[in-house]
Amino acid sequence: YNLRGLYYYYTGRLEESHDQFRANMLKYPESITSAASYVEFLMYAGMWKELSSEGRKAYKAFPQELTFLEIASIGDYNLGDYHKTLEVCDLILAKAPADSAKILRSWSTKGDIYFILGDSKRGFKAYDNALKISPDNLYVLNNYAYFLSEEGRDLKKAYQMSKKTIEAEPDNPTYLDTFGWILFLMDKPVEAKAQFKHAMLYGGTEDANILDHYAEVLFKLGEHDLAFI
């Protein structure tokens, strides 16, 4: 079942693949591997509604595996049901206080969601908790710095956080965008332009937000024609 499911998946036949993984899970309900294969298929196939429900069913069958709930919450997130995602994060924080990786992901996710919901106070607090566990976590540092810049506050702190990310991954267009935008907000458009030019070489041309920020920098420098392009 599993092998057929993989074959159909990699040959682009998602319906047939789904049927194989589901049949495998139903035929071997005592197998955590079968449950995991089905849930992972739903995640990679982007079947968010099914992922949310089936991930919870798998967790109910195997309550020792909180990962099923984490994966189910990916479905919730993509469905825009952010409060369900927060509930999963809180449950993991309560049930797995010694699992630093899960706790880090939960605080990081809570931070992201609070900003989506417009609650920056809780968002920054969640990021602070994440950084207590992993002070050099690039994902959290970048998001923290970006949201500080979005609010136009504590730009020196945002600068230091963002600088760490580009020092660790100097060709990451997302990190370059954050750093460049912070430089722009600090009234350093020439330095910002250098960061955006570098980002353009590594995928920045495919991201509307990065291009928008770059246009703002170019316009500030008086390069209006290039900014409009």
C-alpha atoms as a PDB file:
ATOM      1  CA  TYR A   1       0.000   0.000   0.000  1.00  0.00           C
ATOM      2  CA  ASN A   2       2.669   2.447   1.028  1.00  0.00           C
ATOM      3  CA  LEU A   3       4.808   1.774  -2.027  1.00  0.00           C
ATOM      4  CA  ARG A   4       1.858   2.168  -4.374  1.00  0.00           C
ATOM      5  CA  GLY A   5       0.870   5.360  -2.598  1.00  0.00           C
ATOM      6  CA  LEU A   6       4.343   6.795  -3.128  1.00  0.00           C
ATOM      7  CA  TYR A   7       4.380   5.710  -6.772  1.00  0.00           C
ATOM      8  CA  TYR A   8       1.057   7.389  -7.518  1.00  0.00           C
ATOM      9  CA  TYR A   9       2.106  10.518  -5.610  1.00  0.00           C
ATOM     10  CA  TYR A  10       5.361  10.952  -7.533  1.00  0.00           C
ATOM     11  CA  THR A  11       3.591  10.346 -10.848  1.00  0.00           C
ATOM     12  CA  GLY A  12       1.074  13.080 -10.109  1.00  0.00           C
ATOM     13  CA  ARG A  13      -1.969  10.896  -9.405  1.00  0.00           C
ATOM     14  CA  LEU A  14      -3.043  12.318  -6.039  1.00  0.00           C
ATOM     15  CA  GLU A  15      -6.476  10.694  -5.884  1.00  0.00           C
ATOM     16  CA  GLU A  16      -5.036   7.224  -6.405  1.00  0.00           C
ATOM     17  CA  SER A  17      -2.229   8.003  -3.966  1.00  0.00           C
ATOM     18  CA  HIS A  18      -4.719   9.168  -1.353  1.00  0.00           C
ATOM     19  CA  ASP A  19      -6.716   5.943  -1.697  1.00  0.00           C
ATOM     20  CA  GLN A  20      -3.623   3.793  -1.124  1.00  0.00           C
ATOM     21  CA  PHE A  21      -2.418   5.651   1.972  1.00  0.00           C
ATOM     22  CA  ARG A  22      -5.926   5.730   3.432  1.00  0.00           C
ATOM     23  CA  ALA A  23      -6.452   2.016   2.766  1.00  0.00           C
ATOM     24  CA  ASN A  24      -3.118   1.277   4.430  1.00  0.00           C
ATOM     25  CA  MET A  25      -4.127   3.283   7.493  1.00  0.00           C
ATOM     26  CA  LEU A  26      -7.559   1.603   7.732  1.00  0.00           C
ATOM     27  CA  LYS A  27      -6.194  -1.915   7.220  1.00  0.00           C
ATOM     28  CA  TYR A  28      -3.526  -1.476   9.915  1.00  0.00           C
ATOM     29  CA  PRO A  29      -5.100   0.789  12.568  1.00  0.00           C
ATOM     30  CA  GLU A  30      -2.556  -0.346  15.151  1.00  0.00           C
ATOM     31  CA  SER A  31       0.352   0.880  13.005  1.00  0.00           C
ATOM     32  CA  ILE A  32       1.631   4.340  13.855  1.00  0.00           C
ATOM     33  CA  THR A  33       3.684   4.271  10.648  1.00  0.00           C
ATOM     34  CA  SER A  34       0.580   3.800   8.535  1.00  0.00           C
ATOM     35  CA  ALA A  35      -1.142   6.672  10.308  1.00  0.00           C
ATOM     36  CA  ALA A  36       1.916   8.893   9.874  1.00  0.00           C
ATOM     37  CA  SER A  37       2.192   8.090   6.161  1.00  0.00           C
ATOM     38  CA  TYR A  38      -1.438   9.042   5.578  1.00  0.00           C
ATOM     39  CA  VAL A  39      -1.216  12.275   7.541  1.00  0.00           C
ATOM     40  CA  GLU A  40       2.041  13.256   5.836  1.00  0.00           C
ATOM     41  CA  PHE A  41       0.469  12.595   2.451  1.00  0.00           C
ATOM     42  CA  LEU A  42      -2.418  14.942   3.307  1.00  0.00           C
ATOM     43  CA  MET A  43       0.086  17.599   4.332  1.00  0.00           C
ATOM     44  CA  TYR A  44       2.216  17.379   1.174  1.00  0.00           C
ATOM     45  CA  ALA A  45      -0.904  17.215  -1.008  1.00  0.00           C
ATOM     46  CA  GLY A  46      -2.254  20.380   0.627  1.00  0.00           C
ATOM     47  CA  MET A  47      -5.517  18.744   1.681  1.00  0.00           C
ATOM     48  CA  TRP A  48      -5.933  21.038   4.660  1.00  0.00           C
ATOM     49  CA  LYS A  49      -9.452  20.164   5.809  1.00  0.00           C
ATOM     50  CA  GLU A  50      -8.682  16.439   5.807  1.00  0.00           C
ATOM     51  CA  LEU A  51      -5.310  17.091   7.442  1.00  0.00           C
ATOM     52  CA  SER A  52      -6.943  18.945  10.327  1.00  0.00           C
ATOM     53  CA  SER A  53      -9.425  16.148  11.046  1.00  0.00           C
ATOM     54  CA  GLU A  54      -7.240  13.120  10.283  1.00  0.00           C
ATOM     55  CA  GLY A  55      -4.286  14.496  12.218  1.00  0.00           C
ATOM     56  CA  ARG A  56      -6.508  14.764  15.288  1.00  0.00           C
ATOM     57  CA  LYS A  57      -7.842  11.242  14.763  1.00  0.00           C
ATOM     58  CA  ALA A  58      -4.274   9.947  14.595  1.00  0.00           C
ATOM     59  CA  TYR A  59      -3.418  11.792  17.803  1.00  0.00           C
ATOM     60  CA  LYS A  60      -6.469  10.268  19.497  1.00  0.00           C
ATOM     61  CA  ALA A  61      -5.274   6.804  18.413  1.00  0.00           C
ATOM     62  CA  PHE A  62      -1.665   7.500  19.436  1.00  0.00           C
ATOM     63  CA  PRO A  63      -1.848  10.120  22.234  1.00  0.00           C
ATOM     64  CA  GLN A  64       1.854   9.799  22.955  1.00  0.00           C
ATOM     65  CA  GLU A  65       2.616  11.372  19.571  1.00  0.00           C
ATOM     66  CA  LEU A  66       2.016  15.123  19.811  1.00  0.00           C
ATOM     67  CA  THR A  67       3.490  15.479  16.325  1.00  0.00           C
ATOM     68  CA  PHE A  68       0.120  14.419  14.907  1.00  0.00           C
ATOM     69  CA  LEU A  69      -1.446  17.459  16.547  1.00  0.00           C
ATOM     70  CA  GLU A  70       1.316  19.706  15.248  1.00  0.00           C
ATOM     71  CA  ILE A  71       0.688  18.480  11.721  1.00  0.00           C
ATOM     72  CA  ALA A  72      -3.083  18.867  12.164  1.00  0.00           C
ATOM     73  CA  SER A  73      -2.501  22.489  13.159  1.00  0.00           C
ATOM     74  CA  ILE A  74      -0.784  23.083   9.799  1.00  0.00           C
ATOM     75  CA  GLY A  75      -4.161  22.300   8.264  1.00  0.00           C
ATOM     76  CA  ASP A  76      -5.858  24.711  10.674  1.00  0.00           C
ATOM     77  CA  TYR A  77      -3.357  27.434   9.828  1.00  0.00           C
ATOM     78  CA  ASN A  78      -3.847  27.079   6.090  1.00  0.00           C
ATOM     79  CA  LEU A  79      -7.620  27.096   6.569  1.00  0.00           C
ATOM     80  CA  GLY A  80      -7.297  30.378   8.438  1.00  0.00           C
ATOM     81  CA  ASP A  81      -8.513  28.826  11.692  1.00  0.00           C
ATOM     82  CA  TYR A  82      -5.816  30.502  13.761  1.00  0.00           C
ATOM     83  CA  HIS A  83      -7.517  30.022  17.108  1.00  0.00           C
ATOM     84  CA  LYS A  84      -7.413  26.243  16.635  1.00  0.00           C
ATOM     85  CA  THR A  85      -3.700  26.512  15.891  1.00  0.00           C
ATOM     86  CA  LEU A  86      -3.171  28.508  19.079  1.00  0.00           C
ATOM     87  CA  GLU A  87      -5.059  25.853  21.047  1.00  0.00           C
ATOM     88  CA  VAL A  88      -2.697  23.173  19.729  1.00  0.00           C
ATOM     89  CA  CYS A  89       0.331  25.289  20.637  1.00  0.00           C
ATOM     90  CA  ASP A  90      -0.973  25.775  24.179  1.00  0.00           C
ATOM     91  CA  LEU A  91      -1.649  22.051  24.539  1.00  0.00           C
ATOM     92  CA  ILE A  92       1.894  21.213  23.431  1.00  0.00           C
ATOM     93  CA  LEU A  93       3.356  23.781  25.814  1.00  0.00           C
ATOM     94  CA  ALA A  94       1.428  22.130  28.644  1.00  0.00           C
ATOM     95  CA  LYS A  95       2.087  18.496  27.701  1.00  0.00           C
ATOM     96  CA  ALA A  96       5.701  18.610  26.507  1.00  0.00           C
ATOM     97  CA  PRO A  97       7.562  21.175  28.640  1.00  0.00           C
ATOM     98  CA  ALA A  98      10.817  19.209  28.345  1.00  0.00           C
ATOM     99  CA  ASP A  99      10.759  18.935  24.550  1.00  0.00           C
ATOM    100  CA  SER A 100      12.675  22.052  23.557  1.00  0.00           C
ATOM    101  CA  ALA A 101      12.113  21.587  19.810  1.00  0.00           C
ATOM    102  CA  LYS A 102       8.329  21.366  20.199  1.00  0.00           C
ATOM    103  CA  ILE A 103       8.246  24.241  22.686  1.00  0.00           C
ATOM    104  CA  LEU A 104      10.314  26.400  20.328  1.00  0.00           C
ATOM    105  CA  ARG A 105       7.990  25.676  17.396  1.00  0.00           C
ATOM    106  CA  SER A 106       4.935  26.407  19.526  1.00  0.00           C
ATOM    107  CA  TRP A 107       6.175  29.797  20.734  1.00  0.00           C
ATOM    108  CA  SER A 108       7.349  30.706  17.239  1.00  0.00           C
ATOM    109  CA  THR A 109       3.997  29.751  15.732  1.00  0.00           C
ATOM    110  CA  LYS A 110       2.116  31.654  18.424  1.00  0.00           C
ATOM    111  CA  GLY A 111       4.188  34.735  17.621  1.00  0.00           C
ATOM    112  CA  ASP A 112       3.380  34.488  13.910  1.00  0.00           C
ATOM    113  CA  ILE A 113      -0.331  34.029  14.541  1.00  0.00           C
ATOM    114  CA  TYR A 114      -0.631  36.847  17.056  1.00  0.00           C
ATOM    115  CA  PHE A 115       0.735  39.220  14.414  1.00  0.00           C
ATOM    116  CA  ILE A 116      -1.766  37.920  11.876  1.00  0.00           C
ATOM    117  CA  LEU A 117      -4.472  38.627  14.451  1.00  0.00           C
ATOM    118  CA  GLY A 118      -3.079  42.095  15.112  1.00  0.00           C
ATOM    119  CA  ASP A 119      -1.938  41.401  18.680  1.00  0.00           C
ATOM    120  CA  SER A 120       1.677  42.588  18.525  1.00  0.00           C
ATOM    121  CA  LYS A 121       2.106  42.670  22.300  1.00  0.00           C
ATOM    122  CA  ARG A 122       1.485  38.955  22.602  1.00  0.00           C
ATOM    123  CA  GLY A 123       3.409  38.356  19.400  1.00  0.00           C
ATOM    124  CA  PHE A 124       6.600  39.938  20.689  1.00  0.00           C
ATOM    125  CA  LYS A 125       6.225  38.122  24.004  1.00  0.00           C
ATOM    126  CA  ALA A 126       5.910  34.790  22.182  1.00  0.00           C
ATOM    127  CA  TYR A 127       9.049  35.520  20.152  1.00  0.00           C
ATOM    128  CA  ASP A 128      10.883  36.453  23.358  1.00  0.00           C
ATOM    129  CA  ASN A 129       9.965  33.063  24.801  1.00  0.00           C
ATOM    130  CA  ALA A 130      11.150  31.329  21.633  1.00  0.00           C
ATOM    131  CA  LEU A 131      14.501  33.131  21.750  1.00  0.00           C
ATOM    132  CA  LYS A 132      15.008  32.103  25.381  1.00  0.00           C
ATOM    133  CA  ILE A 133      15.119  28.537  24.085  1.00  0.00           C
ATOM    134  CA  SER A 134      17.099  29.246  20.911  1.00  0.00           C
ATOM    135  CA  PRO A 135      18.721  32.712  20.939  1.00  0.00           C
ATOM    136  CA  ASP A 136      20.140  32.330  17.425  1.00  0.00           C
ATOM    137  CA  ASN A 137      17.069  30.904  15.712  1.00  0.00           C
ATOM    138  CA  LEU A 138      17.152  32.652  12.346  1.00  0.00           C
ATOM    139  CA  TYR A 139      13.469  32.257  11.550  1.00  0.00           C
ATOM    140  CA  VAL A 140      12.380  33.860  14.822  1.00  0.00           C
ATOM    141  CA  LEU A 141      15.027  36.593  14.633  1.00  0.00           C
ATOM    142  CA  ASN A 142      13.940  37.529  11.121  1.00  0.00           C
ATOM    143  CA  ASN A 143      10.226  37.616  11.927  1.00  0.00           C
ATOM    144  CA  TYR A 144      10.816  39.506  15.166  1.00  0.00           C
ATOM    145  CA  ALA A 145      12.941  42.098  13.358  1.00  0.00           C
ATOM    146  CA  TYR A 146      10.467  42.408  10.496  1.00  0.00           C
ATOM    147  CA  PHE A 147       7.467  43.012  12.729  1.00  0.00           C
ATOM    148  CA  LEU A 148       9.428  45.566  14.748  1.00  0.00           C
ATOM    149  CA  SER A 149      10.159  47.372  11.487  1.00  0.00           C
ATOM    150  CA  GLU A 150       6.501  47.142  10.453  1.00  0.00           C
ATOM    151  CA  GLU A 151       5.577  48.980  13.621  1.00  0.00           C
ATOM    152  CA  GLY A 152       8.481  51.397  13.223  1.00  0.00           C
ATOM    153  CA  ARG A 153       9.728  50.728  16.729  1.00  0.00           C
ATOM    154  CA  ASP A 154      13.038  49.765  18.309  1.00  0.00           C
ATOM    155  CA  LEU A 155      14.833  49.769  14.960  1.00  0.00           C
ATOM    156  CA  LYS A 156      18.246  49.377  16.604  1.00  0.00           C
ATOM    157  CA  LYS A 157      17.088  46.098  18.154  1.00  0.00           C
ATOM    158  CA  ALA A 158      15.558  45.048  14.838  1.00  0.00           C
ATOM    159  CA  TYR A 159      18.832  45.901  13.074  1.00  0.00           C
ATOM    160  CA  GLN A 160      20.904  43.719  15.418  1.00  0.00           C
ATOM    161  CA  MET A 161      18.518  40.783  15.063  1.00  0.00           C
ATOM    162  CA  SER A 162      18.326  41.048  11.291  1.00  0.00           C
ATOM    163  CA  LYS A 163      22.082  41.438  10.971  1.00  0.00           C
ATOM    164  CA  LYS A 164      22.527  38.041  12.640  1.00  0.00           C
ATOM    165  CA  THR A 165      20.344  36.403  10.001  1.00  0.00           C
ATOM    166  CA  ILE A 166      22.224  37.736   6.978  1.00  0.00           C
ATOM    167  CA  GLU A 167      25.567  36.948   8.590  1.00  0.00           C
ATOM    168  CA  ALA A 168      24.411  33.345   8.929  1.00  0.00           C
ATOM    169  CA  GLU A 169      22.687  33.161   5.509  1.00  0.00           C
ATOM    170  CA  PRO A 170      23.996  36.003   3.330  1.00  0.00           C
ATOM    171  CA  ASP A 171      22.118  34.840   0.218  1.00  0.00           C
ATOM    172  CA  ASN A 172      18.679  34.381   1.758  1.00  0.00           C
ATOM    173  CA  PRO A 173      16.379  36.871  -0.069  1.00  0.00           C
ATOM    174  CA  THR A 174      13.834  36.974   2.769  1.00  0.00           C
ATOM    175  CA  TYR A 175      16.491  37.904   5.322  1.00  0.00           C
ATOM    176  CA  LEU A 176      18.064  40.406   2.938  1.00  0.00           C
ATOM    177  CA  ASP A 177      14.669  42.015   2.429  1.00  0.00           C
ATOM    178  CA  THR A 178      14.138  42.452   6.161  1.00  0.00           C
ATOM    179  CA  PHE A 179      17.622  43.874   6.682  1.00  0.00           C
ATOM    180  CA  GLY A 180      17.361  46.167   3.683  1.00  0.00           C
ATOM    181  CA  TRP A 181      13.976  47.470   4.784  1.00  0.00           C
ATOM    182  CA  ILE A 182      15.256  48.200   8.278  1.00  0.00           C
ATOM    183  CA  LEU A 183      18.180  50.127   6.774  1.00  0.00           C
ATOM    184  CA  PHE A 184      15.689  52.096   4.669  1.00  0.00           C
ATOM    185  CA  LEU A 185      13.619  52.952   7.739  1.00  0.00           C
ATOM    186  CA  MET A 186      16.823  54.069   9.485  1.00  0.00           C
ATOM    187  CA  ASP A 187      17.309  56.522   6.597  1.00  0.00           C
ATOM    188  CA  LYS A 188      20.153  54.578   5.013  1.00  0.00           C
ATOM    189  CA  PRO A 189      18.810  54.066   1.473  1.00  0.00           C
ATOM    190  CA  VAL A 190      22.233  53.597  -0.140  1.00  0.00           C
ATOM    191  CA  GLU A 191      23.074  50.711   2.200  1.00  0.00           C
ATOM    192  CA  ALA A 192      19.540  49.360   1.780  1.00  0.00           C
ATOM    193  CA  LYS A 193      19.907  49.339  -2.011  1.00  0.00           C
ATOM    194  CA  ALA A 194      22.979  47.107  -1.769  1.00  0.00           C
ATOM    195  CA  GLN A 195      20.997  44.542   0.225  1.00  0.00           C
ATOM    196  CA  PHE A 196      18.115  44.548  -2.252  1.00  0.00           C
ATOM    197  CA  LYS A 197      20.433  44.267  -5.253  1.00  0.00           C
ATOM    198  CA  HIS A 198      21.908  41.177  -3.638  1.00  0.00           C
ATOM    199  CA  ALA A 199      18.428  39.802  -2.931  1.00  0.00           C
ATOM    200  CA  MET A 200      17.552  40.196  -6.622  1.00  0.00           C
ATOM    201  CA  LEU A 201      20.294  37.715  -7.497  1.00  0.00           C
ATOM    202  CA  TYR A 202      18.869  35.033  -5.212  1.00  0.00           C
ATOM    203  CA  GLY A 203      15.149  34.924  -5.931  1.00  0.00           C
ATOM    204  CA  GLY A 204      14.033  38.389  -4.916  1.00  0.00           C
ATOM    205  CA  THR A 205      12.620  39.065  -8.378  1.00  0.00           C
ATOM    206  CA  GLU A 206       9.965  36.391  -7.714  1.00  0.00           C
ATOM    207  CA  ASP A 207       8.664  38.009  -4.525  1.00  0.00           C
ATOM    208  CA  ALA A 208       6.220  40.929  -4.790  1.00  0.00           C
ATOM    209  CA  ASN A 209       6.941  42.210  -1.278  1.00  0.00           C
ATOM    210  CA  ILE A 210      10.692  42.335  -1.877  1.00  0.00           C
ATOM    211  CA  LEU A 211      10.188  44.112  -5.201  1.00  0.00           C
ATOM    212  CA  ASP A 212       7.859  46.619  -3.541  1.00  0.00           C
ATOM    213  CA  HIS A 213      10.400  47.398  -0.845  1.00  0.00           C
ATOM    214  CA  TYR A 214      13.164  47.714  -3.446  1.00  0.00           C
ATOM    215  CA  ALA A 215      11.016  50.145  -5.444  1.00  0.00           C
ATOM    216  CA  GLU A 216      10.573  52.317  -2.344  1.00  0.00           C
ATOM    217  CA  VAL A 217      14.326  52.425  -1.816  1.00  0.00           C
ATOM    218  CA  LEU A 218      15.028  53.318  -5.459  1.00  0.00           C
ATOM    219  CA  PHE A 219      12.373  56.034  -5.429  1.00  0.00           C
ATOM    220  CA  LYS A 220      13.929  57.517  -2.287  1.00  0.00           C
ATOM    221  CA  LEU A 221      17.280  57.646  -4.117  1.00  0.00           C
ATOM    222  CA  GLY A 222      15.693  59.445  -7.072  1.00  0.00           C
ATOM    223  CA  GLU A 223      15.989  56.446  -9.418  1.00  0.00           C
ATOM    224  CA  HIS A 224      12.368  56.824 -10.456  1.00  0.00           C
ATOM    225  CA  ASP A 225      12.457  54.976 -13.786  1.00  0.00           C
ATOM    226  CA  LEU A 226      13.995  51.861 -12.255  1.00  0.00           C
ATOM    227  CA  ALA A 227      11.636  52.112  -9.304  1.00  0.00           C
ATOM    228  CA  PHE A 228       8.599  52.065 -11.622  1.00  0.00           C
ATOM    229  CA  ILE A 229      10.006  49.082 -13.510  1.00  0.00           C
END
